């Protein structure tokens, strides 16, 4: 793990100066999960919908079965349709900084897409000769699906600190379509996740036009960024609303061990890098970090002691496959699997874990539940694929 030169000193300063701020984040009401038993769900079939994608990263289903928008990390946006297959690159996409983990990343449709045809993109943007950071903006998708018109940025992560690592990033609109939430990585600069004047290691909440809501938890706090909704995150790449509890969930990479599922609360501090279940990539404890719960930090709902390198999350809220009801699908990069977490319908407790697609040996970058009730998966590879996973009859 690369760390800043003055990492230990920076952590000491953060821990001292933010003691009062940490108290704003209550301890989670749910305990972190112990290892859960392996379970077996319905047998599945796997269909390759399209191949030849260059490191695909995100997808979004167009309404009325009109197609699927797919981002490719080098900087192209395409659409796949049943009638025409995979399109040429859509024009009007902003220039991205495709270095390391950066490039064209997530994609989301505006809640009022039927009227506005707005498509939101999250991407790495170069800011100076050495640094880049996450930017989010939107453009208007043409009716023939070939152009993104009048694209404009509405949010920029500041300051720009990344040299190619830990951008995050996922976007999710709340169920009512009023606000846009964006999960941001700490650019591999761990202390910044605790600094409220930085947008690194944060979940932010903005309006669809980029304005900052007045009731954001730190909007009126001097020296803090008003966009911040929660902080203390490392490198979150999964963000989704739980349809049964109306809670915002985040999946984030730990260091070596300590991948986390977090339930997001306004103003809460999720601990990184002062609290983690993981170790540094050198196998040693993260400097200044506690391996046990600390007052003032919100504990994860679930963590993995051995990191699968979790990417995206998608709740299964459909009727087509009863055996997948009350499940959360989780993409895994390092372990090259699709993880299904089963929750109890009555109390919401995590009761089992299933590993799917392990025989494919492909990194799972994005997972979405399609309008047909199937699970759609993007594999992160030079020859990436869009796969359709469905239960066998």
Protein backbone atom coordinates (compact mmCIF):
# COMPACT_ATOMS: atom_id res chain seq x y z
CA UNK A 1 0.00 0.00 0.00
CA UNK A 2 1.42 3.39 -0.97
CA UNK A 3 1.11 5.94 1.80
CA UNK A 4 2.02 9.56 2.19
CA UNK A 5 5.49 10.36 3.53
CA UNK A 6 4.14 11.86 6.73
CA UNK A 7 1.36 9.30 7.14
CA UNK A 8 1.79 8.61 10.88
CA UNK A 9 2.10 12.30 11.73
CA UNK A 10 -0.95 13.12 9.63
CA UNK A 11 -2.98 10.46 11.42
CA UNK A 12 -1.95 11.80 14.80
CA UNK A 13 -3.07 15.29 13.83
CA UNK A 14 -6.34 13.99 12.44
CA UNK A 15 -7.05 11.88 15.52
CA UNK A 16 -6.41 14.83 17.82
CA UNK A 17 -8.20 17.58 15.95
CA UNK A 18 -11.22 15.55 14.92
CA UNK A 19 -12.03 13.99 18.26
CA UNK A 20 -15.07 16.23 18.67
CA UNK A 21 -16.18 15.62 15.10
CA UNK A 22 -16.01 11.86 15.54
CA UNK A 23 -18.47 12.16 18.38
CA UNK A 24 -21.04 13.35 15.88
CA UNK A 25 -21.10 9.84 14.37
CA UNK A 26 -22.96 7.45 16.70
CA UNK A 27 -22.02 3.81 17.03
CA UNK A 28 -24.04 1.66 14.65
CA UNK A 29 -27.14 0.09 16.11
CA UNK A 30 -26.26 -3.24 14.46
CA UNK A 31 -23.21 -5.28 15.35
CA UNK A 32 -20.77 -6.28 12.65
CA UNK A 33 -21.48 -9.73 11.26
CA UNK A 34 -19.60 -12.89 12.11
CA UNK A 35 -18.69 -15.22 9.22
CA UNK A 36 -21.89 -16.59 7.72
CA UNK A 37 -22.56 -20.13 6.48
CA UNK A 38 -22.26 -21.07 2.84
CA UNK A 39 -25.61 -21.58 1.15
CA UNK A 40 -26.79 -22.90 -2.19
CA UNK A 41 -29.39 -21.13 -4.28
CA UNK A 42 -31.05 -21.97 -7.57
CA UNK A 43 -28.89 -23.40 -10.36
CA UNK A 44 -28.09 -20.71 -12.91
CA UNK A 45 -27.43 -20.34 -16.60
CA UNK A 46 -24.98 -17.79 -17.97
CA UNK A 47 -25.50 -16.08 -21.32
CA UNK A 48 -22.91 -13.84 -22.95
CA UNK A 49 -24.87 -10.85 -24.19
CA UNK A 50 -21.90 -9.01 -25.66
CA UNK A 51 -18.12 -9.37 -25.60
CA UNK A 52 -15.24 -7.26 -26.83
CA UNK A 53 -15.75 -4.49 -24.28
CA UNK A 54 -12.58 -2.68 -23.17
CA UNK A 55 -12.54 -2.70 -19.38
CA UNK A 56 -16.25 -1.93 -18.96
CA UNK A 57 -17.05 -0.22 -15.67
CA UNK A 58 -20.71 0.79 -15.35
CA UNK A 59 -24.09 0.21 -16.97
CA UNK A 60 -27.60 1.64 -16.89
CA UNK A 61 -30.80 0.22 -18.36
CA UNK A 62 -32.74 2.55 -20.64
CA UNK A 63 -36.52 2.53 -20.08
CA UNK A 64 -38.93 0.48 -22.18
CA UNK A 65 -36.28 -2.12 -22.97
CA UNK A 66 -34.56 0.41 -25.23
CA UNK A 67 -31.04 -0.78 -24.46
CA UNK A 68 -28.19 -0.72 -21.95
CA UNK A 69 -25.66 2.10 -21.65
CA UNK A 70 -22.15 0.80 -20.91
CA UNK A 71 -19.04 2.77 -19.94
CA UNK A 72 -15.55 1.63 -20.89
CA UNK A 73 -12.76 2.87 -18.65
CA UNK A 74 -10.54 4.24 -21.47
CA UNK A 75 -13.25 6.83 -22.14
CA UNK A 76 -16.04 5.50 -24.35
CA UNK A 77 -19.78 5.23 -23.74
CA UNK A 78 -21.72 2.70 -25.81
CA UNK A 79 -25.23 1.37 -25.98
CA UNK A 80 -26.26 -2.22 -26.53
CA UNK A 81 -29.68 -2.92 -28.04
CA UNK A 82 -31.39 -6.17 -28.98
CA UNK A 83 -31.91 -4.92 -32.51
CA UNK A 84 -28.44 -3.60 -33.33
CA UNK A 85 -26.06 -5.10 -30.78
CA UNK A 86 -23.19 -2.96 -29.51
CA UNK A 87 -23.00 0.57 -30.88
CA UNK A 88 -20.05 2.69 -31.91
CA UNK A 89 -18.88 5.12 -29.21
CA UNK A 90 -21.47 7.75 -28.35
CA UNK A 91 -20.19 11.26 -29.10
CA UNK A 92 -20.15 14.13 -26.63
CA UNK A 93 -18.54 12.23 -23.75
CA UNK A 94 -16.09 14.38 -21.74
CA UNK A 95 -12.35 13.80 -21.93
CA UNK A 96 -11.28 11.49 -19.11
CA UNK A 97 -7.99 10.74 -17.39
CA UNK A 98 -7.49 7.04 -18.07
CA UNK A 99 -4.57 6.28 -15.80
CA UNK A 100 -4.31 3.47 -13.26
CA UNK A 101 -7.78 2.97 -11.78
CA UNK A 102 -9.11 6.14 -13.43
CA UNK A 103 -11.08 6.76 -16.59
CA UNK A 104 -14.75 6.78 -17.51
CA UNK A 105 -16.41 5.05 -14.57
CA UNK A 106 -20.04 5.07 -13.45
CA UNK A 107 -23.21 5.96 -15.38
CA UNK A 108 -26.72 6.72 -14.11
CA UNK A 109 -29.98 7.96 -15.60
CA UNK A 110 -31.74 11.01 -14.22
CA UNK A 111 -34.92 10.16 -12.28
CA UNK A 112 -36.84 12.20 -14.85
CA UNK A 113 -35.07 10.62 -17.84
CA UNK A 114 -38.37 10.26 -19.73
CA UNK A 115 -38.60 14.06 -19.83
CA UNK A 116 -35.01 15.30 -19.59
CA UNK A 117 -33.04 12.41 -21.18
CA UNK A 118 -30.17 13.34 -18.86
CA UNK A 119 -27.36 10.81 -18.45
CA UNK A 120 -24.94 11.27 -15.54
CA UNK A 121 -21.31 10.20 -15.85
CA UNK A 122 -18.65 9.89 -13.15
CA UNK A 123 -15.06 9.97 -14.35
CA UNK A 124 -11.46 10.73 -13.47
CA UNK A 125 -10.44 14.20 -14.60
CA UNK A 126 -6.88 15.50 -14.81
CA UNK A 127 -6.53 18.75 -12.83
CA UNK A 128 -2.79 19.45 -13.12
CA UNK A 129 0.35 17.73 -14.39
CA UNK A 130 0.44 15.25 -11.52
CA UNK A 131 -3.03 14.96 -10.03
CA UNK A 132 -6.56 13.99 -10.95
CA UNK A 133 -9.84 13.50 -9.12
CA UNK A 134 -13.44 12.42 -9.64
CA UNK A 135 -15.84 14.62 -11.58
CA UNK A 136 -19.58 14.11 -12.15
CA UNK A 137 -21.67 15.74 -14.85
CA UNK A 138 -24.56 15.14 -17.20
CA UNK A 139 -25.52 15.45 -20.83
CA UNK A 140 -28.67 14.90 -22.87
CA UNK A 141 -28.89 11.61 -24.76
CA UNK A 142 -30.13 12.03 -28.32
CA UNK A 143 -33.23 10.10 -29.37
CA UNK A 144 -31.18 8.02 -31.82
CA UNK A 145 -28.74 7.07 -29.01
CA UNK A 146 -25.68 8.39 -30.84
CA UNK A 147 -24.88 11.66 -29.01
CA UNK A 148 -24.59 13.11 -25.55
CA UNK A 149 -25.40 16.78 -26.04
CA UNK A 150 -24.53 19.79 -23.87
CA UNK A 151 -22.50 17.85 -21.33
CA UNK A 152 -21.57 19.89 -18.26
CA UNK A 153 -19.83 19.03 -14.97
CA UNK A 154 -21.86 19.67 -11.82
CA UNK A 155 -19.50 18.32 -9.15
CA UNK A 156 -15.74 18.09 -8.72
CA UNK A 157 -13.91 16.29 -5.94
CA UNK A 158 -11.54 18.77 -4.31
CA UNK A 159 -8.68 19.05 -3.79
CA UNK A 160 -7.29 16.87 -6.58
CA UNK A 161 -4.89 14.38 -5.01
CA UNK A 162 -5.00 11.14 -6.99
CA UNK A 163 -2.06 9.87 -9.00
CA UNK A 164 -4.21 7.08 -10.45
CA UNK A 165 -5.71 5.34 -7.42
CA UNK A 166 -8.85 5.16 -5.26
CA UNK A 167 -11.33 7.32 -7.15
CA UNK A 168 -14.33 5.28 -5.96
CA UNK A 169 -16.87 5.98 -7.52
CA UNK A 170 -20.58 5.13 -7.61
CA UNK A 171 -23.71 7.22 -7.95
CA UNK A 172 -27.24 6.62 -6.70
CA UNK A 173 -30.34 8.77 -6.68
CA UNK A 174 -32.60 8.45 -3.67
CA UNK A 175 -35.89 6.61 -4.29
CA UNK A 176 -37.78 9.87 -4.66
CA UNK A 177 -35.28 11.25 -7.19
CA UNK A 178 -34.65 14.38 -5.15
CA UNK A 179 -30.95 13.96 -4.38
CA UNK A 180 -27.87 12.40 -5.93
CA UNK A 181 -25.42 10.54 -3.68
CA UNK A 182 -21.83 9.97 -4.80
CA UNK A 183 -19.36 7.61 -3.09
CA UNK A 184 -15.79 8.91 -3.39
CA UNK A 185 -12.44 7.25 -2.71
CA UNK A 186 -9.66 8.86 -0.70
CA UNK A 187 -7.24 8.93 -3.65
CA UNK A 188 -4.87 6.66 -1.65
CA UNK A 189 -4.30 9.52 0.79
CA UNK A 190 -5.75 7.89 3.95
CA UNK A 191 -5.74 10.85 6.39
CA UNK A 192 -7.96 12.89 4.08
CA UNK A 193 -10.91 10.57 4.74
CA UNK A 194 -11.13 12.18 8.20
CA UNK A 195 -10.68 15.76 7.02
CA UNK A 196 -13.95 17.60 6.52
CA UNK A 197 -12.35 20.27 4.33
CA UNK A 198 -11.49 17.52 1.80
CA UNK A 199 -13.88 15.53 -0.39
CA UNK A 200 -11.70 12.43 -0.32
CA UNK A 201 -13.15 9.35 1.38
CA UNK A 202 -16.67 10.74 1.54
CA UNK A 203 -20.23 10.05 0.49
CA UNK A 204 -21.61 13.35 -0.76
CA UNK A 205 -25.18 14.45 -1.34
CA UNK A 206 -26.12 17.04 -3.95
CA UNK A 207 -29.18 18.01 -5.95
CA UNK A 208 -29.41 16.73 -9.54
CA UNK A 209 -28.19 20.15 -10.74
CA UNK A 210 -25.21 20.14 -8.38
CA UNK A 211 -26.59 22.43 -5.70
CA UNK A 212 -25.91 21.54 -2.05
CA UNK A 213 -29.01 20.78 0.06
CA UNK A 214 -29.45 23.07 3.04
CA UNK A 215 -29.99 20.18 5.45
CA UNK A 216 -26.70 18.40 4.72
CA UNK A 217 -25.05 17.64 8.09
CA UNK A 218 -21.94 19.83 7.68
CA UNK A 219 -23.32 22.61 5.51
CA UNK A 220 -23.25 25.21 8.30
CA UNK A 221 -19.99 24.02 9.90
CA UNK A 222 -17.08 26.37 9.38
CA UNK A 223 -14.21 24.78 7.48
CA UNK A 224 -16.24 21.76 6.33
CA UNK A 225 -17.44 20.96 2.83
CA UNK A 226 -21.21 21.29 2.64
CA UNK A 227 -21.55 18.41 0.16
CA UNK A 228 -20.45 15.81 2.72
CA UNK A 229 -23.08 13.29 3.90
CA UNK A 230 -20.74 10.78 5.59
CA UNK A 231 -16.98 10.34 5.93
CA UNK A 232 -14.20 7.96 6.92
CA UNK A 233 -14.47 5.83 3.75
CA UNK A 234 -11.53 4.24 1.92
CA UNK A 235 -12.42 3.31 -1.66
CA UNK A 236 -16.18 2.73 -2.05
CA UNK A 237 -17.24 1.24 -5.39
CA UNK A 238 -20.74 0.04 -4.51
CA UNK A 239 -23.74 2.23 -3.65
CA UNK A 240 -27.41 1.21 -3.60
CA UNK A 241 -30.68 1.81 -1.77
CA UNK A 242 -32.06 -1.07 0.26
CA UNK A 243 -35.63 -1.42 -1.08
CA UNK A 244 -36.94 -3.01 2.13
CA UNK A 245 -35.51 -0.56 4.67
CA UNK A 246 -35.02 2.56 2.52
CA UNK A 247 -31.40 2.77 3.69
CA UNK A 248 -28.39 3.73 1.60
CA UNK A 249 -25.75 0.98 1.59
CA UNK A 250 -22.11 1.32 0.56
CA UNK A 251 -19.58 -1.38 -0.33
CA UNK A 252 -15.96 -0.39 0.05
CA UNK A 253 -12.54 -1.91 -0.36
CA UNK A 254 -10.54 -2.52 2.77
CA UNK A 255 -6.75 -2.66 2.64
CA UNK A 256 -5.63 -6.31 3.06
CA UNK A 257 -8.81 -7.69 4.61
CA UNK A 258 -11.60 -5.55 5.95
CA UNK A 259 -13.83 -5.10 2.89
CA UNK A 260 -17.00 -3.54 4.31
CA UNK A 261 -20.73 -3.21 3.81
CA UNK A 262 -21.89 -0.03 5.51
CA UNK A 263 -25.34 1.40 6.17
CA UNK A 264 -24.97 5.14 5.64
CA UNK A 265 -26.21 7.66 8.19
CA UNK A 266 -26.05 11.42 7.83
CA UNK A 267 -22.96 12.82 9.51
CA UNK A 268 -21.55 9.43 10.49
CA UNK A 269 -17.85 8.59 10.55
CA UNK A 270 -16.98 5.11 9.20
CA UNK A 271 -13.49 5.10 10.61
CA UNK A 272 -10.90 4.88 7.87
CA UNK A 273 -7.97 5.03 8.49
CA UNK A 274 -8.35 5.13 12.30
CA UNK A 275 -10.55 2.02 12.49
CA UNK A 276 -10.31 -1.00 10.17
CA UNK A 277 -10.48 -4.79 10.29
CA UNK A 278 -7.79 -4.97 7.61
CA UNK A 279 -4.01 -4.84 7.50
CA UNK A 280 -1.70 -2.92 5.21
CA UNK A 281 -0.54 -4.61 2.05
CA UNK A 282 2.74 -5.30 3.83
CA UNK A 283 0.86 -7.55 6.27
CA UNK A 284 1.38 -5.16 9.17
CA UNK A 285 -1.28 -3.14 11.04
CA UNK A 286 -2.32 0.11 9.38
CA UNK A 287 -0.37 2.85 11.23
CA UNK A 288 -2.52 4.48 13.89
CA UNK A 289 -5.54 2.25 13.23
CA UNK A 290 -7.55 0.28 15.77
CA UNK A 291 -8.58 -3.32 15.05
CA UNK A 292 -11.41 -3.09 17.58
CA UNK A 293 -14.50 -0.83 17.71
CA UNK A 294 -13.98 2.74 18.91
CA UNK A 295 -16.50 5.17 20.27
CA UNK A 296 -17.53 7.72 17.68
CA UNK A 297 -17.10 5.46 14.66
CA UNK A 298 -19.94 3.62 12.96
CA UNK A 299 -19.25 -0.09 12.60
CA UNK A 300 -19.89 -1.96 9.34
CA UNK A 301 -22.95 -4.11 8.93
CA UNK A 302 -20.68 -6.83 7.57
CA UNK A 303 -17.01 -7.21 6.75
CA UNK A 304 -14.79 -9.82 5.14
CA UNK A 305 -11.62 -10.74 7.04
CA UNK A 306 -10.16 -11.93 3.71
CA UNK A 307 -10.90 -9.34 1.03
CA UNK A 308 -12.78 -10.51 -2.06
CA UNK A 309 -12.10 -6.94 -3.35
CA UNK A 310 -15.79 -6.08 -3.51
CA UNK A 311 -16.95 -3.72 -6.23
CA UNK A 312 -20.64 -3.05 -6.81
CA UNK A 313 -23.83 -4.09 -4.98
CA UNK A 314 -27.36 -4.73 -6.26
CA UNK A 315 -30.42 -5.72 -4.23
CA UNK A 316 -32.71 -8.35 -5.73
CA UNK A 317 -36.23 -6.97 -5.40
CA UNK A 318 -38.03 -8.97 -8.08
CA UNK A 319 -40.54 -11.82 -8.17
CA UNK A 320 -39.03 -13.86 -11.03
CA UNK A 321 -36.67 -15.89 -8.84
CA UNK A 322 -38.15 -16.63 -5.39
CA UNK A 323 -34.85 -18.18 -4.26
CA UNK A 324 -33.15 -14.82 -4.68
CA UNK A 325 -35.65 -12.80 -2.68
CA UNK A 326 -34.03 -10.70 0.06
CA UNK A 327 -30.62 -11.10 -1.52
CA UNK A 328 -27.79 -8.68 -2.17
CA UNK A 329 -25.49 -9.41 -5.13
CA UNK A 330 -21.90 -8.25 -4.66
CA UNK A 331 -19.23 -8.14 -7.34
CA UNK A 332 -15.75 -9.41 -6.45
CA UNK A 333 -12.61 -8.41 -8.34
CA UNK A 334 -9.76 -10.31 -6.69
CA UNK A 335 -11.79 -13.44 -5.99
CA UNK A 336 -13.42 -13.25 -9.44
CA UNK A 337 -16.88 -14.19 -8.27
CA UNK A 338 -20.42 -12.96 -7.92
CA UNK A 339 -21.32 -13.12 -4.23
CA UNK A 340 -24.95 -13.51 -3.14
CA UNK A 341 -25.73 -12.53 0.44
CA UNK A 342 -29.02 -13.88 1.79
CA UNK A 343 -30.90 -11.88 4.42
CA UNK A 344 -33.68 -13.03 6.72
CA UNK A 345 -37.05 -11.67 5.61
CA UNK A 346 -38.24 -11.08 9.18
CA UNK A 347 -35.33 -9.48 11.01
CA UNK A 348 -32.98 -8.53 8.15
CA UNK A 349 -30.04 -10.49 9.57
CA UNK A 350 -27.45 -11.90 7.22
CA UNK A 351 -27.93 -15.67 7.14
CA UNK A 352 -25.85 -17.03 4.27
CA UNK A 353 -23.37 -16.44 1.45
CA UNK A 354 -23.16 -18.07 -1.97
CA UNK A 355 -20.39 -17.76 -4.56
CA UNK A 356 -21.41 -17.76 -8.22
CA UNK A 357 -19.45 -17.55 -11.52
CA UNK A 358 -16.19 -18.68 -9.90
CA UNK A 359 -15.49 -21.01 -12.83
CA UNK A 360 -15.45 -18.05 -15.24
CA UNK A 361 -12.36 -16.59 -13.55
CA UNK A 362 -13.29 -13.03 -14.43
CA UNK A 363 -13.29 -9.86 -12.35
CA UNK A 364 -16.83 -8.65 -11.65
CA UNK A 365 -17.00 -4.89 -12.05
CA UNK A 366 -20.71 -4.05 -12.20
CA UNK A 367 -23.92 -5.88 -11.29
CA UNK A 368 -27.47 -4.72 -12.06
CA UNK A 369 -30.90 -6.30 -11.85
CA UNK A 370 -32.50 -6.13 -15.28
CA UNK A 371 -36.13 -5.31 -16.04
CA UNK A 372 -36.60 -9.00 -16.91
CA UNK A 373 -35.58 -10.12 -13.40
CA UNK A 374 -32.22 -11.50 -14.54
CA UNK A 375 -28.90 -10.42 -13.05
CA UNK A 376 -26.59 -8.61 -15.47
CA UNK A 377 -22.84 -8.54 -14.88
CA UNK A 378 -19.93 -6.65 -16.44
CA UNK A 379 -16.51 -8.31 -16.34
CA UNK A 380 -13.47 -6.07 -16.09
CA UNK A 381 -11.03 -7.17 -18.77
CA UNK A 382 -9.42 -6.06 -22.02
CA UNK A 383 -12.03 -8.32 -23.60
CA UNK A 384 -14.79 -7.58 -21.11
CA UNK A 385 -18.23 -9.08 -21.32
CA UNK A 386 -21.82 -8.32 -20.46
CA UNK A 387 -23.35 -11.48 -18.98
CA UNK A 388 -26.96 -12.35 -18.23
CA UNK A 389 -27.46 -14.63 -15.22
CA UNK A 390 -30.79 -16.32 -14.70
CA UNK A 391 -32.09 -19.20 -12.64
CA UNK A 392 -32.62 -22.43 -14.50
CA UNK A 393 -36.25 -23.63 -14.69
